[in-house]
Amino acid sequence: VTSTTVTLVYNEPLDSAKAASISNYSIDNGLSVISASAVAPLFDKVSILLNTSISVGTIYSITAANVTDCAGNMIGNNKTVRFGVSEDADSLDIVINEILFNPRPDGVDYVELYNRSKKIIDLSKIYLANRNSSNVISSIVQASIESILLFPGDYMVLTSDPALVKQQYLTTNPDAFISVGSMPSFS
């Protein structure tokens, strides 16, 4: 959010008292939590104020412990996430690793991206497109409406139906999928 504020997004509402306890969060690379507050009205986000500014080019990890939902269920296995400051992609920072342009009759297209740079790249600033028969760029699709970070050396799959792709193909990282409304046509 700012150089000293990070927002954690959960998949369900939290117990706001436990979400606001700074002892429930630990961060690497010299950062620590000064304050934490659950964000109303849904309480599925926590705003974290840091002791110092986040450095560009550094990947941080934050771990949440003892955080529960409103029913008292403890946070699951995905309790550590990475974050950092994103940078604009330059040519060849992100490459298309794979395109499925001719899926099974009941399947969907997908594009797999690979971040070959040392940058953290915000996929809300990345677009897919094609060229029509007149060599004009068309069918422009934003990779993500939300700010989703693609870290150095990571892959991300863009598709209109992530669940279907995961069902039809081997998936080693089920979290590395983004649902897009529609894909550009690939002839």
N, C-alpha and C. Protein backbone atom coordinates (compact mmCIF):
# COMPACT_ATOMS: atom_id res chain seq x y z
N VAL A 1 0.84 -1.19 0.00
CA VAL A 1 0.00 0.00 0.00
C VAL A 1 0.88 1.25 0.00
N THR A 2 1.84 1.31 0.93
CA THR A 2 2.85 2.37 0.97
C THR A 2 4.18 1.69 1.25
N SER A 3 5.23 2.48 1.39
CA SER A 3 6.55 1.88 1.64
C SER A 3 6.64 1.26 3.03
N THR A 4 5.69 1.57 3.91
CA THR A 4 5.71 0.99 5.26
C THR A 4 4.42 0.28 5.65
N THR A 5 3.51 0.08 4.69
CA THR A 5 2.24 -0.58 4.98
C THR A 5 2.00 -1.72 4.00
N VAL A 6 1.63 -2.87 4.54
CA VAL A 6 1.31 -4.05 3.75
C VAL A 6 -0.10 -4.50 4.14
N THR A 7 -0.89 -4.92 3.16
CA THR A 7 -2.21 -5.46 3.46
C THR A 7 -2.21 -6.95 3.16
N LEU A 8 -2.55 -7.75 4.16
CA LEU A 8 -2.70 -9.20 3.99
C LEU A 8 -4.16 -9.47 3.65
N VAL A 9 -4.40 -10.32 2.65
CA VAL A 9 -5.76 -10.63 2.22
C VAL A 9 -6.01 -12.11 2.51
N TYR A 10 -7.05 -12.38 3.26
CA TYR A 10 -7.43 -13.74 3.63
C TYR A 10 -8.64 -14.16 2.83
N ASN A 11 -8.95 -15.46 2.83
CA ASN A 11 -10.08 -15.96 2.04
C ASN A 11 -11.38 -16.01 2.83
N GLU A 12 -11.38 -15.51 4.07
CA GLU A 12 -12.61 -15.44 4.85
C GLU A 12 -12.42 -14.44 5.99
N PRO A 13 -13.52 -14.00 6.62
CA PRO A 13 -13.42 -13.04 7.72
C PRO A 13 -12.65 -13.62 8.91
N LEU A 14 -11.93 -12.74 9.60
CA LEU A 14 -11.09 -13.14 10.73
C LEU A 14 -11.67 -12.65 12.05
N ASP A 15 -11.21 -13.30 13.12
CA ASP A 15 -11.44 -12.78 14.45
C ASP A 15 -10.60 -11.51 14.54
N SER A 16 -11.24 -10.36 14.60
CA SER A 16 -10.52 -9.09 14.49
C SER A 16 -9.52 -8.87 15.62
N ALA A 17 -9.79 -9.38 16.81
CA ALA A 17 -8.85 -9.22 17.93
C ALA A 17 -7.56 -9.99 17.67
N LYS A 18 -7.67 -11.24 17.21
CA LYS A 18 -6.47 -12.03 16.92
C LYS A 18 -5.74 -11.50 15.68
N ALA A 19 -6.49 -11.00 14.72
CA ALA A 19 -5.88 -10.45 13.51
C ALA A 19 -5.08 -9.18 13.82
N ALA A 20 -5.46 -8.47 14.89
CA ALA A 20 -4.80 -7.21 15.24
C ALA A 20 -3.64 -7.38 16.21
N SER A 21 -3.34 -8.59 16.63
CA SER A 21 -2.24 -8.81 17.56
C SER A 21 -0.92 -8.87 16.81
N ILE A 22 -0.01 -7.92 17.08
CA ILE A 22 1.25 -7.88 16.34
C ILE A 22 2.14 -9.08 16.62
N SER A 23 1.93 -9.75 17.74
CA SER A 23 2.74 -10.94 18.06
C SER A 23 2.40 -12.12 17.14
N ASN A 24 1.32 -12.02 16.39
CA ASN A 24 0.92 -13.10 15.48
C ASN A 24 1.59 -13.01 14.12
N TYR A 25 2.48 -12.02 13.91
CA TYR A 25 3.12 -11.84 12.61
C TYR A 25 4.63 -11.73 12.78
N SER A 26 5.34 -12.39 11.87
CA SER A 26 6.80 -12.25 11.84
C SER A 26 7.22 -12.05 10.39
N ILE A 27 8.21 -11.19 10.19
CA ILE A 27 8.69 -10.84 8.86
C ILE A 27 10.21 -10.97 8.85
N ASP A 28 10.76 -11.40 7.71
CA ASP A 28 12.21 -11.55 7.59
C ASP A 28 12.86 -10.26 7.07
N ASN A 29 14.15 -10.32 6.84
CA ASN A 29 14.95 -9.22 6.27
C ASN A 29 14.88 -7.92 7.06
N GLY A 30 14.84 -8.03 8.39
CA GLY A 30 14.93 -6.85 9.25
C GLY A 30 13.66 -6.06 9.46
N LEU A 31 12.54 -6.54 8.95
CA LEU A 31 11.28 -5.82 9.16
C LEU A 31 10.56 -6.40 10.37
N SER A 32 9.84 -5.54 11.05
CA SER A 32 8.98 -6.01 12.13
C SER A 32 7.67 -5.22 12.08
N VAL A 33 6.68 -5.75 12.77
CA VAL A 33 5.33 -5.18 12.76
C VAL A 33 5.19 -4.20 13.91
N ILE A 34 4.78 -2.97 13.59
CA ILE A 34 4.53 -1.95 14.61
C ILE A 34 3.07 -2.01 15.06
N SER A 35 2.18 -2.20 14.07
CA SER A 35 0.76 -2.33 14.40
C SER A 35 0.07 -3.16 13.33
N ALA A 36 -1.06 -3.74 13.72
CA ALA A 36 -1.88 -4.53 12.81
C ALA A 36 -3.33 -4.22 13.12
N SER A 37 -4.14 -4.13 12.07
CA SER A 37 -5.57 -3.89 12.30
C SER A 37 -6.39 -4.59 11.22
N ALA A 38 -7.45 -5.24 11.67
CA ALA A 38 -8.37 -5.88 10.74
C ALA A 38 -9.15 -4.79 10.02
N VAL A 39 -9.37 -4.98 8.73
CA VAL A 39 -10.01 -3.96 7.90
C VAL A 39 -11.50 -4.27 7.77
N ALA A 40 -12.33 -3.32 8.23
CA ALA A 40 -13.79 -3.44 8.12
C ALA A 40 -14.19 -3.16 6.68
N PRO A 41 -15.35 -3.57 6.20
CA PRO A 41 -16.42 -4.21 6.95
C PRO A 41 -16.34 -5.73 6.96
N LEU A 42 -15.57 -6.34 6.02
CA LEU A 42 -15.57 -7.80 5.92
C LEU A 42 -14.58 -8.47 6.87
N PHE A 43 -13.56 -7.75 7.32
CA PHE A 43 -12.53 -8.28 8.21
C PHE A 43 -11.80 -9.47 7.60
N ASP A 44 -11.63 -9.45 6.27
CA ASP A 44 -10.85 -10.48 5.58
C ASP A 44 -9.49 -9.94 5.16
N LYS A 45 -9.17 -8.72 5.62
CA LYS A 45 -7.88 -8.10 5.33
C LYS A 45 -7.30 -7.57 6.63
N VAL A 46 -5.95 -7.56 6.67
CA VAL A 46 -5.26 -7.00 7.83
C VAL A 46 -4.24 -6.00 7.32
N SER A 47 -4.29 -4.80 7.84
CA SER A 47 -3.32 -3.76 7.48
C SER A 47 -2.17 -3.82 8.48
N ILE A 48 -0.96 -3.98 7.96
CA ILE A 48 0.24 -4.13 8.79
C ILE A 48 1.12 -2.90 8.60
N LEU A 49 1.48 -2.23 9.68
CA LEU A 49 2.41 -1.11 9.64
C LEU A 49 3.79 -1.63 10.03
N LEU A 50 4.79 -1.35 9.20
CA LEU A 50 6.14 -1.86 9.39
C LEU A 50 7.05 -0.85 10.08
N ASN A 51 8.12 -1.35 10.69
CA ASN A 51 9.06 -0.48 11.40
C ASN A 51 9.94 0.34 10.47
N THR A 52 10.11 -0.09 9.23
CA THR A 52 10.95 0.62 8.27
C THR A 52 10.41 0.38 6.86
N SER A 53 10.90 1.13 5.92
CA SER A 53 10.42 1.04 4.54
C SER A 53 10.88 -0.25 3.86
N ILE A 54 10.04 -0.71 2.97
CA ILE A 54 10.35 -1.87 2.14
C ILE A 54 11.34 -1.42 1.07
N SER A 55 12.37 -2.23 0.81
CA SER A 55 13.38 -1.89 -0.20
C SER A 55 13.01 -2.50 -1.54
N VAL A 56 13.19 -1.72 -2.61
CA VAL A 56 12.98 -2.22 -3.96
C VAL A 56 14.02 -3.31 -4.23
N GLY A 57 13.57 -4.40 -4.85
CA GLY A 57 14.48 -5.49 -5.20
C GLY A 57 14.64 -6.54 -4.12
N THR A 58 14.00 -6.36 -2.98
CA THR A 58 14.08 -7.33 -1.89
C THR A 58 12.76 -8.08 -1.79
N ILE A 59 12.84 -9.39 -1.67
CA ILE A 59 11.65 -10.22 -1.47
C ILE A 59 11.56 -10.53 0.02
N TYR A 60 10.44 -10.19 0.60
CA TYR A 60 10.19 -10.42 2.02
C TYR A 60 9.19 -11.56 2.19
N SER A 61 9.22 -12.19 3.35
CA SER A 61 8.23 -13.20 3.71
C SER A 61 7.61 -12.80 5.03
N ILE A 62 6.29 -12.91 5.09
CA ILE A 62 5.57 -12.66 6.34
C ILE A 62 4.82 -13.93 6.71
N THR A 63 4.88 -14.28 7.98
CA THR A 63 4.20 -15.48 8.49
C THR A 63 3.18 -15.05 9.54
N ALA A 64 1.98 -15.59 9.40
CA ALA A 64 0.91 -15.35 10.37
C ALA A 64 0.73 -16.61 11.20
N ALA A 65 0.61 -16.44 12.50
CA ALA A 65 0.39 -17.57 13.41
C ALA A 65 -0.70 -17.17 14.40
N ASN A 66 -1.44 -18.13 14.88
CA ASN A 66 -2.50 -17.91 15.87
C ASN A 66 -3.61 -16.99 15.39
N VAL A 67 -3.74 -16.84 14.08
CA VAL A 67 -4.84 -16.06 13.52
C VAL A 67 -5.98 -17.03 13.25
N THR A 68 -7.20 -16.65 13.65
CA THR A 68 -8.35 -17.52 13.47
C THR A 68 -9.46 -16.80 12.72
N ASP A 69 -10.35 -17.60 12.15
CA ASP A 69 -11.55 -17.02 11.54
C ASP A 69 -12.56 -16.77 12.65
N CYS A 70 -13.72 -16.29 12.28
CA CYS A 70 -14.75 -15.95 13.28
C CYS A 70 -15.28 -17.17 14.03
N ALA A 71 -15.14 -18.37 13.44
CA ALA A 71 -15.60 -19.59 14.10
C ALA A 71 -14.52 -20.19 15.00
N GLY A 72 -13.33 -19.57 15.05
CA GLY A 72 -12.26 -20.07 15.89
C GLY A 72 -11.32 -21.04 15.21
N ASN A 73 -11.48 -21.27 13.91
CA ASN A 73 -10.59 -22.16 13.16
C ASN A 73 -9.25 -21.48 12.94
N MET A 74 -8.16 -22.20 13.26
CA MET A 74 -6.81 -21.67 13.11
C MET A 74 -6.43 -21.59 11.63
N ILE A 75 -5.57 -20.63 11.31
CA ILE A 75 -5.08 -20.48 9.94
C ILE A 75 -4.46 -21.80 9.49
N GLY A 76 -4.65 -22.13 8.20
CA GLY A 76 -4.18 -23.41 7.66
C GLY A 76 -2.71 -23.41 7.31
N ASN A 77 -2.36 -24.26 6.36
CA ASN A 77 -0.96 -24.45 5.98
C ASN A 77 -0.36 -23.27 5.24
N ASN A 78 -1.17 -22.52 4.50
CA ASN A 78 -0.66 -21.38 3.74
C ASN A 78 -0.58 -20.15 4.62
N LYS A 79 0.36 -20.16 5.55
CA LYS A 79 0.44 -19.04 6.48
C LYS A 79 1.66 -18.15 6.26
N THR A 80 2.47 -18.46 5.25
CA THR A 80 3.60 -17.62 4.89
C THR A 80 3.44 -17.18 3.44
N VAL A 81 3.58 -15.88 3.20
CA VAL A 81 3.49 -15.33 1.85
C VAL A 81 4.66 -14.38 1.62
N ARG A 82 4.96 -14.20 0.33
CA ARG A 82 6.02 -13.27 -0.07
C ARG A 82 5.39 -11.94 -0.47
N PHE A 83 6.18 -10.88 -0.32
CA PHE A 83 5.76 -9.57 -0.79
C PHE A 83 6.99 -8.74 -1.11
N GLY A 84 6.78 -7.65 -1.78
CA GLY A 84 7.86 -6.74 -2.13
C GLY A 84 7.32 -5.63 -2.99
N VAL A 85 8.20 -4.74 -3.41
CA VAL A 85 7.83 -3.62 -4.27
C VAL A 85 7.96 -4.07 -5.71
N SER A 86 6.88 -3.89 -6.48
CA SER A 86 6.93 -4.29 -7.88
C SER A 86 7.64 -3.24 -8.72
N GLU A 87 8.17 -3.72 -9.85
CA GLU A 87 8.81 -2.84 -10.82
C GLU A 87 8.16 -3.08 -12.17
N ASP A 88 8.27 -2.11 -13.05
CA ASP A 88 7.71 -2.27 -14.39
C ASP A 88 8.51 -3.30 -15.18
N ALA A 89 7.79 -4.11 -15.93
CA ALA A 89 8.45 -5.10 -16.78
C ALA A 89 9.08 -4.42 -17.98
N ASP A 90 10.22 -4.92 -18.37
CA ASP A 90 10.90 -4.46 -19.57
C ASP A 90 10.85 -5.60 -20.59
N SER A 91 11.29 -5.35 -21.80
CA SER A 91 11.27 -6.40 -22.81
C SER A 91 12.09 -7.59 -22.33
N LEU A 92 11.54 -8.77 -22.52
CA LEU A 92 12.13 -10.06 -22.15
C LEU A 92 12.20 -10.33 -20.65
N ASP A 93 11.65 -9.44 -19.79
CA ASP A 93 11.57 -9.77 -18.36
C ASP A 93 10.60 -10.93 -18.15
N ILE A 94 9.47 -10.86 -18.84
CA ILE A 94 8.48 -11.94 -18.79
C ILE A 94 8.42 -12.57 -20.17
N VAL A 95 8.46 -13.89 -20.21
CA VAL A 95 8.35 -14.60 -21.48
C VAL A 95 7.16 -15.54 -21.42
N ILE A 96 6.59 -15.81 -22.59
CA ILE A 96 5.53 -16.81 -22.68
C ILE A 96 6.22 -18.16 -22.75
N ASN A 97 5.99 -18.97 -21.74
CA ASN A 97 6.62 -20.27 -21.64
C ASN A 97 5.84 -21.34 -22.40
N GLU A 98 4.51 -21.20 -22.38
CA GLU A 98 3.66 -22.20 -23.03
C GLU A 98 2.33 -21.58 -23.40
N ILE A 99 1.81 -21.97 -24.56
CA ILE A 99 0.46 -21.57 -24.97
C ILE A 99 -0.31 -22.83 -25.33
N LEU A 100 -1.47 -23.00 -24.72
CA LEU A 100 -2.40 -24.05 -25.15
C LEU A 100 -3.44 -23.34 -26.00
N PHE A 101 -3.32 -23.43 -27.32
CA PHE A 101 -4.21 -22.72 -28.23
C PHE A 101 -5.23 -23.65 -28.87
N ASN A 102 -5.05 -24.95 -28.71
CA ASN A 102 -5.96 -25.92 -29.30
C ASN A 102 -6.33 -26.94 -28.21
N PRO A 103 -7.16 -26.53 -27.26
CA PRO A 103 -7.48 -27.40 -26.13
C PRO A 103 -8.36 -28.57 -26.54
N ARG A 104 -8.54 -29.48 -25.60
CA ARG A 104 -9.49 -30.58 -25.79
C ARG A 104 -10.87 -29.99 -26.10
N PRO A 105 -11.76 -30.77 -26.70
CA PRO A 105 -13.09 -30.24 -27.04
C PRO A 105 -13.83 -29.62 -25.85
N ASP A 106 -13.63 -30.15 -24.66
CA ASP A 106 -14.29 -29.60 -23.47
C ASP A 106 -13.35 -28.71 -22.65
N GLY A 107 -12.20 -28.33 -23.22
CA GLY A 107 -11.19 -27.56 -22.49
C GLY A 107 -11.17 -26.09 -22.86
N VAL A 108 -10.16 -25.39 -22.33
CA VAL A 108 -9.99 -23.95 -22.57
C VAL A 108 -8.52 -23.65 -22.86
N ASP A 109 -8.28 -22.52 -23.51
CA ASP A 109 -6.92 -22.05 -23.78
C ASP A 109 -6.26 -21.62 -22.48
N TYR A 110 -4.92 -21.63 -22.50
CA TYR A 110 -4.18 -20.98 -21.43
C TYR A 110 -2.84 -20.49 -21.95
N VAL A 111 -2.27 -19.55 -21.21
CA VAL A 111 -0.93 -19.03 -21.47
C VAL A 111 -0.16 -19.10 -20.16
N GLU A 112 1.04 -19.68 -20.22
CA GLU A 112 1.90 -19.74 -19.04
C GLU A 112 3.01 -18.72 -19.19
N LEU A 113 3.12 -17.82 -18.20
CA LEU A 113 4.15 -16.79 -18.19
C LEU A 113 5.27 -17.19 -17.25
N TYR A 114 6.48 -16.76 -17.56
CA TYR A 114 7.65 -17.00 -16.71
C TYR A 114 8.38 -15.69 -16.50
N ASN A 115 8.68 -15.37 -15.25
CA ASN A 115 9.44 -14.16 -14.92
C ASN A 115 10.92 -14.52 -14.89
N ARG A 116 11.64 -14.20 -15.96
CA ARG A 116 13.06 -14.53 -16.06
C ARG A 116 13.95 -13.41 -15.54
N SER A 117 13.34 -12.34 -15.02
CA SER A 117 14.11 -11.20 -14.51
C SER A 117 14.37 -11.37 -13.02
N LYS A 118 15.01 -10.38 -12.45
CA LYS A 118 15.22 -10.33 -11.01
C LYS A 118 14.22 -9.38 -10.35
N LYS A 119 13.21 -8.96 -11.12
CA LYS A 119 12.21 -8.01 -10.64
C LYS A 119 10.97 -8.72 -10.13
N ILE A 120 10.28 -8.06 -9.20
CA ILE A 120 8.93 -8.44 -8.81
C ILE A 120 8.01 -7.65 -9.75
N ILE A 121 7.13 -8.34 -10.47
CA ILE A 121 6.30 -7.68 -11.48
C ILE A 121 4.83 -7.82 -11.12
N ASP A 122 4.12 -6.71 -11.16
CA ASP A 122 2.69 -6.68 -10.86
C ASP A 122 1.92 -7.05 -12.12
N LEU A 123 1.20 -8.18 -12.07
CA LEU A 123 0.50 -8.67 -13.26
C LEU A 123 -0.71 -7.83 -13.64
N SER A 124 -1.12 -6.90 -12.80
CA SER A 124 -2.21 -6.00 -13.21
C SER A 124 -1.72 -5.00 -14.26
N LYS A 125 -0.42 -4.93 -14.48
CA LYS A 125 0.16 -4.04 -15.48
C LYS A 125 0.58 -4.78 -16.74
N ILE A 126 0.22 -6.06 -16.84
CA ILE A 126 0.59 -6.91 -17.97
C ILE A 126 -0.66 -7.23 -18.78
N TYR A 127 -0.53 -7.23 -20.10
CA TYR A 127 -1.66 -7.52 -20.99
C TYR A 127 -1.26 -8.59 -22.00
N LEU A 128 -2.23 -9.41 -22.39
CA LEU A 128 -2.09 -10.36 -23.49
C LEU A 128 -2.88 -9.81 -24.66
N ALA A 129 -2.42 -10.13 -25.87
CA ALA A 129 -3.13 -9.70 -27.06
C ALA A 129 -2.73 -10.60 -28.22
N ASN A 130 -3.32 -10.36 -29.37
CA ASN A 130 -2.90 -11.03 -30.59
C ASN A 130 -2.83 -9.99 -31.69
N ARG A 131 -2.42 -10.44 -32.86
CA ARG A 131 -2.42 -9.56 -34.04
C ARG A 131 -3.43 -10.13 -35.02
N ASN A 132 -4.27 -9.26 -35.55
CA ASN A 132 -5.26 -9.74 -36.51
C ASN A 132 -4.63 -9.88 -37.90
N SER A 133 -5.42 -10.23 -38.88
CA SER A 133 -4.90 -10.48 -40.23
C SER A 133 -4.27 -9.24 -40.85
N SER A 134 -4.60 -8.06 -40.37
CA SER A 134 -4.00 -6.81 -40.87
C SER A 134 -2.77 -6.41 -40.06
N ASN A 135 -2.31 -7.32 -39.18
CA ASN A 135 -1.14 -7.11 -38.33
C ASN A 135 -1.38 -6.00 -37.28
N VAL A 136 -2.64 -5.81 -36.90
CA VAL A 136 -3.01 -4.83 -35.89
C VAL A 136 -3.24 -5.57 -34.58
N ILE A 137 -2.71 -5.01 -33.49
CA ILE A 137 -2.91 -5.63 -32.18
C ILE A 137 -4.38 -5.56 -31.81
N SER A 138 -4.94 -6.71 -31.37
CA SER A 138 -6.35 -6.76 -31.01
C SER A 138 -6.55 -7.74 -29.86
N SER A 139 -7.77 -7.86 -29.42
CA SER A 139 -8.15 -8.79 -28.34
C SER A 139 -7.28 -8.60 -27.10
N ILE A 140 -7.11 -7.37 -26.68
CA ILE A 140 -6.25 -7.06 -25.53
C ILE A 140 -6.96 -7.48 -24.24
N VAL A 141 -6.25 -8.26 -23.41
CA VAL A 141 -6.80 -8.78 -22.15
C VAL A 141 -5.80 -8.47 -21.03
N GLN A 142 -6.29 -7.84 -19.95
CA GLN A 142 -5.46 -7.57 -18.79
C GLN A 142 -5.22 -8.88 -18.04
N ALA A 143 -3.96 -9.13 -17.66
CA ALA A 143 -3.62 -10.38 -16.98
C ALA A 143 -4.37 -10.52 -15.65
N SER A 144 -4.52 -9.43 -14.92
CA SER A 144 -5.23 -9.47 -13.64
C SER A 144 -5.77 -8.09 -13.30
N ILE A 145 -6.99 -8.05 -12.83
CA ILE A 145 -7.56 -6.78 -12.38
C ILE A 145 -6.94 -6.40 -11.04
N GLU A 146 -6.70 -7.41 -10.20
CA GLU A 146 -6.07 -7.21 -8.90
C GLU A 146 -4.56 -7.16 -9.05
N SER A 147 -3.91 -6.59 -8.07
CA SER A 147 -2.46 -6.58 -8.03
C SER A 147 -1.98 -7.96 -7.56
N ILE A 148 -1.45 -8.75 -8.49
CA ILE A 148 -0.88 -10.06 -8.18
C ILE A 148 0.59 -10.02 -8.56
N LEU A 149 1.46 -10.37 -7.63
CA LEU A 149 2.89 -10.26 -7.86
C LEU A 149 3.46 -11.54 -8.46
N LEU A 150 4.26 -11.37 -9.51
CA LEU A 150 5.00 -12.47 -10.13
C LEU A 150 6.45 -12.27 -9.75
N PHE A 151 6.96 -13.20 -8.94
CA PHE A 151 8.31 -13.08 -8.40
C PHE A 151 9.34 -13.65 -9.36
N PRO A 152 10.60 -13.24 -9.23
CA PRO A 152 11.65 -13.76 -10.10
C PRO A 152 11.67 -15.29 -10.08
N GLY A 153 11.76 -15.89 -11.27
CA GLY A 153 11.83 -17.34 -11.39
C GLY A 153 10.49 -18.05 -11.25
N ASP A 154 9.40 -17.32 -11.10
CA ASP A 154 8.09 -17.93 -10.93
C ASP A 154 7.32 -17.99 -12.25
N TYR A 155 6.36 -18.91 -12.28
CA TYR A 155 5.46 -19.11 -13.41
C TYR A 155 4.05 -18.73 -12.99
N MET A 156 3.22 -18.33 -13.97
CA MET A 156 1.81 -18.05 -13.71
C MET A 156 1.03 -18.45 -14.96
N VAL A 157 -0.11 -19.12 -14.75
CA VAL A 157 -0.97 -19.55 -15.85
C VAL A 157 -2.19 -18.65 -15.90
N LEU A 158 -2.48 -18.11 -17.08
CA LEU A 158 -3.66 -17.29 -17.30
C LEU A 158 -4.64 -18.10 -18.14
N THR A 159 -5.87 -18.20 -17.67
CA THR A 159 -6.89 -18.97 -18.37
C THR A 159 -8.28 -18.51 -17.94
N SER A 160 -9.27 -18.83 -18.75
CA SER A 160 -10.65 -18.45 -18.40
C SER A 160 -11.27 -19.41 -17.40
N ASP A 161 -10.67 -20.60 -17.21
CA ASP A 161 -11.23 -21.59 -16.29
C ASP A 161 -10.11 -22.38 -15.61
N PRO A 162 -9.48 -21.81 -14.55
CA PRO A 162 -8.39 -22.51 -13.87
C PRO A 162 -8.76 -23.90 -13.36
N ALA A 163 -9.97 -24.08 -12.84
CA ALA A 163 -10.38 -25.38 -12.30
C ALA A 163 -10.36 -26.45 -13.39
N LEU A 164 -10.81 -26.11 -14.58
CA LEU A 164 -10.84 -27.07 -15.68
C LEU A 164 -9.43 -27.43 -16.13
N VAL A 165 -8.54 -26.45 -16.22
CA VAL A 165 -7.15 -26.73 -16.60
C VAL A 165 -6.50 -27.63 -15.56
N LYS A 166 -6.72 -27.35 -14.29
CA LYS A 166 -6.15 -28.17 -13.21
C LYS A 166 -6.70 -29.59 -13.27
N GLN A 167 -7.94 -29.75 -13.67
CA GLN A 167 -8.57 -31.07 -13.77
C GLN A 167 -7.99 -31.86 -14.94
N GLN A 168 -7.70 -31.19 -16.04
CA GLN A 168 -7.29 -31.88 -17.27
C GLN A 168 -5.77 -32.09 -17.41
N TYR A 169 -4.97 -31.34 -16.65
CA TYR A 169 -3.52 -31.41 -16.81
C TYR A 169 -2.83 -31.49 -15.45
N LEU A 170 -1.63 -32.04 -15.45
CA LEU A 170 -0.81 -32.11 -14.24
C LEU A 170 -0.52 -30.69 -13.77
N THR A 171 -0.76 -30.44 -12.50
CA THR A 171 -0.56 -29.11 -11.93
C THR A 171 0.36 -29.23 -10.72
N THR A 172 1.57 -28.69 -10.84
CA THR A 172 2.50 -28.76 -9.72
C THR A 172 2.33 -27.61 -8.73
N ASN A 173 1.75 -26.49 -9.19
CA ASN A 173 1.50 -25.36 -8.29
C ASN A 173 0.08 -24.83 -8.53
N PRO A 174 -0.91 -25.38 -7.83
CA PRO A 174 -2.30 -24.97 -8.07
C PRO A 174 -2.58 -23.51 -7.71
N ASP A 175 -1.69 -22.86 -6.97
CA ASP A 175 -1.89 -21.45 -6.63
C ASP A 175 -1.42 -20.51 -7.74
N ALA A 176 -0.74 -21.04 -8.76
CA ALA A 176 -0.16 -20.21 -9.82
C ALA A 176 -1.09 -20.05 -11.01
N PHE A 177 -2.37 -19.79 -10.74
CA PHE A 177 -3.36 -19.61 -11.80
C PHE A 177 -4.10 -18.31 -11.59
N ILE A 178 -4.38 -17.63 -12.69
CA ILE A 178 -5.20 -16.42 -12.66
C ILE A 178 -6.37 -16.63 -13.62
N SER A 179 -7.56 -16.34 -13.15
CA SER A 179 -8.74 -16.42 -13.99
C SER A 179 -8.94 -15.11 -14.72
N VAL A 180 -8.96 -15.17 -16.05
CA VAL A 180 -9.24 -14.00 -16.86
C VAL A 180 -10.61 -14.19 -17.51
N GLY A 181 -11.32 -13.11 -17.74
CA GLY A 181 -12.67 -13.20 -18.30
C GLY A 181 -12.71 -13.90 -19.63
N SER A 182 -11.80 -13.58 -20.52
CA SER A 182 -11.71 -14.24 -21.81
C SER A 182 -10.26 -14.16 -22.27
N MET A 183 -9.88 -15.08 -23.12
CA MET A 183 -8.53 -15.12 -23.64
C MET A 183 -8.53 -14.56 -25.07
N PRO A 184 -7.43 -13.96 -25.50
CA PRO A 184 -7.34 -13.59 -26.90
C PRO A 184 -7.40 -14.86 -27.76
N SER A 185 -7.89 -14.75 -28.98
CA SER A 185 -7.90 -15.94 -29.84
C SER A 185 -6.49 -16.18 -30.37
N PHE A 186 -6.11 -17.46 -30.45
CA PHE A 186 -4.80 -17.85 -30.94
C PHE A 186 -5.01 -18.74 -32.14
N SER A 187 -4.69 -18.23 -33.33
CA SER A 187 -4.89 -19.03 -34.53
C SER A 187 -3.70 -19.96 -34.75
